[in-house]
Amino acid sequence: MKALLALPALIAAAPLPAQDQGIEATAVAEAAAPLTDAQMEAAGAVDAFMAAIGSDDKTLLARHMDPRGTIFIHNRMDAANPRVDVVPVAQHLERWAARTGDYEEVMEYDVVRVEGDMAQVWGPYSFRYNGGLTHCGINSISLVRGADGWKVANTSFSMVPPAQCAEVGADWEAAR
């Protein structure tokens, strides 16, 4: 799974040129140091979340999400009509349980941050339905740790057409 392979790449990332600032610079600074146990736990929760997306058990996803959360979809599939859709996690889980077909989401973790019982995992992803690439984007996954471990609380993600996968960092799709 790409998500699992992303952790060694995160640790071994090369520095960016001086003109590159912002999130990329933060990711490189974080990548210079080995991930802490807490970061590994948070990344492991996202690994489980990604595996649930690809699982034949459509109820599995609910075990990895907090139903009180919110999903923000920054949809740029039609460049002339970008929009932001907001979906409560509880509603998404109901829809997800009724879905058919095969799903695969692959994500690389550029940033894994943990502060107490909250964590943030950020990075590019690609999404396939029944084997066909439907879109790519950037995932921003917020986690919360409770008595039963880490769960995805809120997520924001962008969606761009397959032709723009490399532009958002999902460059592995060009090799598929």
Protein backbone atom coordinates (compact mmCIF):
# COMPACT_ATOMS: atom_id res chain seq x y z
CA MET A 1 0.00 0.00 0.00
CA LYS A 2 1.39 3.37 -1.00
CA ALA A 3 0.47 4.90 2.36
CA LEU A 4 2.71 2.44 4.20
CA LEU A 5 5.54 3.04 1.75
CA ALA A 6 5.21 6.79 2.19
CA LEU A 7 6.66 6.78 5.71
CA PRO A 8 10.24 5.85 4.69
CA ALA A 9 10.03 8.38 1.86
CA LEU A 10 8.85 11.01 4.33
CA ILE A 11 11.84 10.36 6.57
CA ALA A 12 14.34 10.42 3.68
CA ALA A 13 12.99 13.48 1.83
CA ALA A 14 15.53 15.82 0.25
CA PRO A 15 15.55 19.55 1.09
CA LEU A 16 13.56 21.87 -1.17
CA PRO A 17 15.11 24.86 -2.96
CA ALA A 18 15.17 28.05 -0.91
CA GLN A 19 12.32 29.67 -2.86
CA ASP A 20 9.86 26.89 -1.89
CA GLN A 21 8.11 27.82 1.33
CA GLY A 22 4.97 26.94 3.25
CA ILE A 23 3.63 23.41 3.65
CA GLU A 24 6.36 21.84 1.52
CA ALA A 25 9.07 23.44 3.63
CA THR A 26 7.31 22.27 6.79
CA ALA A 27 7.08 18.72 5.44
CA VAL A 28 10.80 18.64 4.67
CA ALA A 29 11.68 19.99 8.11
CA GLU A 30 9.52 17.31 9.72
CA ALA A 31 10.90 14.65 7.39
CA ALA A 32 14.46 15.28 8.53
CA ALA A 33 13.72 13.69 11.90
CA PRO A 34 12.41 10.15 12.41
CA LEU A 35 8.71 9.93 13.16
CA THR A 36 7.83 9.71 16.82
CA ASP A 37 5.77 6.85 18.24
CA ALA A 38 2.74 9.18 18.35
CA GLN A 39 3.22 10.12 14.69
CA MET A 40 3.56 6.45 13.76
CA GLU A 41 0.29 5.70 15.61
CA ALA A 42 -1.53 8.51 13.80
CA ALA A 43 -0.13 7.39 10.44
CA GLY A 44 -1.19 3.84 11.29
CA ALA A 45 -4.75 5.07 11.87
CA VAL A 46 -4.74 6.64 8.40
CA ASP A 47 -3.34 3.37 6.98
CA ALA A 48 -6.32 1.55 8.55
CA PHE A 49 -8.71 4.19 7.18
CA MET A 50 -7.27 3.75 3.66
CA ALA A 51 -7.51 -0.04 3.96
CA ALA A 52 -11.17 0.31 5.00
CA ILE A 53 -11.87 2.33 1.85
CA GLY A 54 -10.57 -0.58 -0.22
CA SER A 55 -12.28 -3.26 1.83
CA ASP A 56 -15.20 -5.33 0.59
CA ASP A 57 -16.71 -4.77 4.07
CA LYS A 58 -18.45 -1.42 3.55
CA THR A 59 -19.21 -1.16 7.29
CA LEU A 60 -15.49 -1.18 8.16
CA LEU A 61 -15.05 2.50 7.33
CA ALA A 62 -17.38 3.44 10.21
CA ARG A 63 -14.91 1.93 12.70
CA HIS A 64 -12.27 4.41 11.59
CA MET A 65 -14.33 7.61 11.51
CA ASP A 66 -16.02 9.75 14.14
CA PRO A 67 -19.65 10.11 12.97
CA ARG A 68 -19.78 13.63 14.42
CA GLY A 69 -17.15 14.86 11.94
CA THR A 70 -17.41 16.78 8.71
CA ILE A 71 -16.01 16.24 5.23
CA PHE A 72 -15.15 19.23 3.02
CA ILE A 73 -14.73 18.35 -0.66
CA HIS A 74 -12.87 21.01 -2.66
CA ASN A 75 -14.06 19.84 -6.06
CA ARG A 76 -12.05 21.22 -9.00
CA MET A 77 -13.04 18.52 -11.47
CA ASP A 78 -14.62 21.24 -13.65
CA ALA A 79 -12.13 24.13 -13.67
CA ALA A 80 -14.85 26.55 -14.78
CA ASN A 81 -17.08 25.59 -11.86
CA PRO A 82 -15.06 24.79 -8.72
CA ARG A 83 -17.12 24.18 -5.60
CA VAL A 84 -16.86 23.11 -1.98
CA ASP A 85 -19.29 20.43 -0.87
CA VAL A 86 -19.83 19.78 2.84
CA VAL A 87 -20.94 16.33 3.97
CA PRO A 88 -21.47 15.22 7.58
CA VAL A 89 -19.49 12.04 8.27
CA ALA A 90 -22.64 10.26 9.53
CA GLN A 91 -24.33 10.91 6.18
CA HIS A 92 -21.21 9.80 4.27
CA LEU A 93 -21.09 6.55 6.23
CA GLU A 94 -24.72 5.80 5.42
CA ARG A 95 -24.02 6.34 1.71
CA TRP A 96 -20.78 4.36 1.89
CA ALA A 97 -22.46 1.29 3.37
CA ALA A 98 -24.80 1.17 0.36
CA ARG A 99 -22.06 1.53 -2.29
CA THR A 100 -21.09 -1.21 -4.68
CA GLY A 101 -17.91 -1.60 -6.70
CA ASP A 102 -14.22 -1.68 -5.90
CA TYR A 103 -12.53 1.36 -4.41
CA GLU A 104 -8.85 2.09 -3.89
CA GLU A 105 -7.36 5.22 -2.38
CA VAL A 106 -3.59 5.60 -2.25
CA MET A 107 -2.02 8.39 -0.20
CA GLU A 108 1.48 9.59 0.55
CA TYR A 109 2.01 11.29 3.89
CA ASP A 110 3.87 14.57 3.47
CA VAL A 111 3.06 15.86 6.97
CA VAL A 112 2.20 13.95 10.13
CA ARG A 113 1.72 16.20 13.18
CA VAL A 114 0.53 15.21 16.63
CA GLU A 115 -0.38 17.43 19.56
CA GLY A 116 -1.81 15.49 22.48
CA ASP A 117 -5.02 13.83 21.36
CA MET A 118 -5.21 15.53 17.95
CA ALA A 119 -3.27 14.78 14.80
CA GLN A 120 -3.09 15.97 11.22
CA VAL A 121 -1.99 13.89 8.24
CA TRP A 122 -1.59 15.71 4.93
CA GLY A 123 -0.55 14.54 1.48
CA PRO A 124 -1.44 13.71 -2.11
CA TYR A 125 -3.76 10.86 -3.00
CA SER A 126 -5.24 9.06 -5.99
CA PHE A 127 -8.65 7.43 -6.13
CA ARG A 128 -9.75 4.50 -8.28
CA TYR A 129 -13.20 3.04 -8.82
CA ASN A 130 -13.45 -0.43 -10.38
CA GLY A 131 -9.80 -0.13 -11.41
CA GLY A 132 -10.16 3.18 -13.25
CA LEU A 133 -8.54 6.37 -12.01
CA THR A 134 -11.33 8.85 -11.26
CA HIS A 135 -9.43 11.71 -9.59
CA CYS A 136 -6.50 12.80 -7.45
CA GLY A 137 -5.96 15.54 -4.91
CA ILE A 138 -4.62 16.48 -1.52
CA ASN A 139 -6.00 14.92 1.68
CA SER A 140 -6.00 16.86 4.92
CA ILE A 141 -7.07 14.34 7.55
CA SER A 142 -7.72 15.42 11.15
CA LEU A 143 -7.65 12.68 13.74
CA VAL A 144 -8.81 12.59 17.33
CA ARG A 145 -7.61 10.04 19.90
CA GLY A 146 -10.19 8.64 22.27
CA ALA A 147 -10.48 5.60 24.52
CA ASP A 148 -10.62 3.33 21.46
CA GLY A 149 -7.65 4.91 19.68
CA TRP A 150 -7.28 7.31 16.75
CA LYS A 151 -10.25 8.04 14.48
CA VAL A 152 -10.68 10.30 11.48
CA ALA A 153 -12.70 13.23 12.81
CA ASN A 154 -12.73 15.71 9.95
CA THR A 155 -11.28 15.65 6.49
CA SER A 156 -10.82 18.17 3.73
CA PHE A 157 -9.69 17.05 0.32
CA SER A 158 -9.28 18.48 -3.11
CA MET A 159 -10.40 16.67 -6.26
CA VAL A 160 -8.75 17.24 -9.63
CA PRO A 161 -9.09 15.31 -12.92
CA PRO A 162 -6.64 12.45 -13.61
CA ALA A 163 -4.67 14.64 -16.03
CA GLN A 164 -3.67 16.83 -13.04
CA CYS A 165 -2.52 14.03 -10.70
CA ALA A 166 1.17 14.90 -11.02
CA GLU A 167 0.41 18.57 -10.34
CA VAL A 168 -0.98 17.72 -6.88
CA GLY A 169 1.83 15.28 -6.11
CA ALA A 170 0.18 11.97 -7.03
CA ASP A 171 2.93 11.37 -9.57
CA TRP A 172 2.87 7.58 -9.03
CA GLU A 173 -0.22 7.44 -11.24
CA ALA A 174 1.85 8.28 -14.33
CA ALA A 175 3.71 4.96 -13.84
CA ARG A 176 0.54 2.84 -13.55
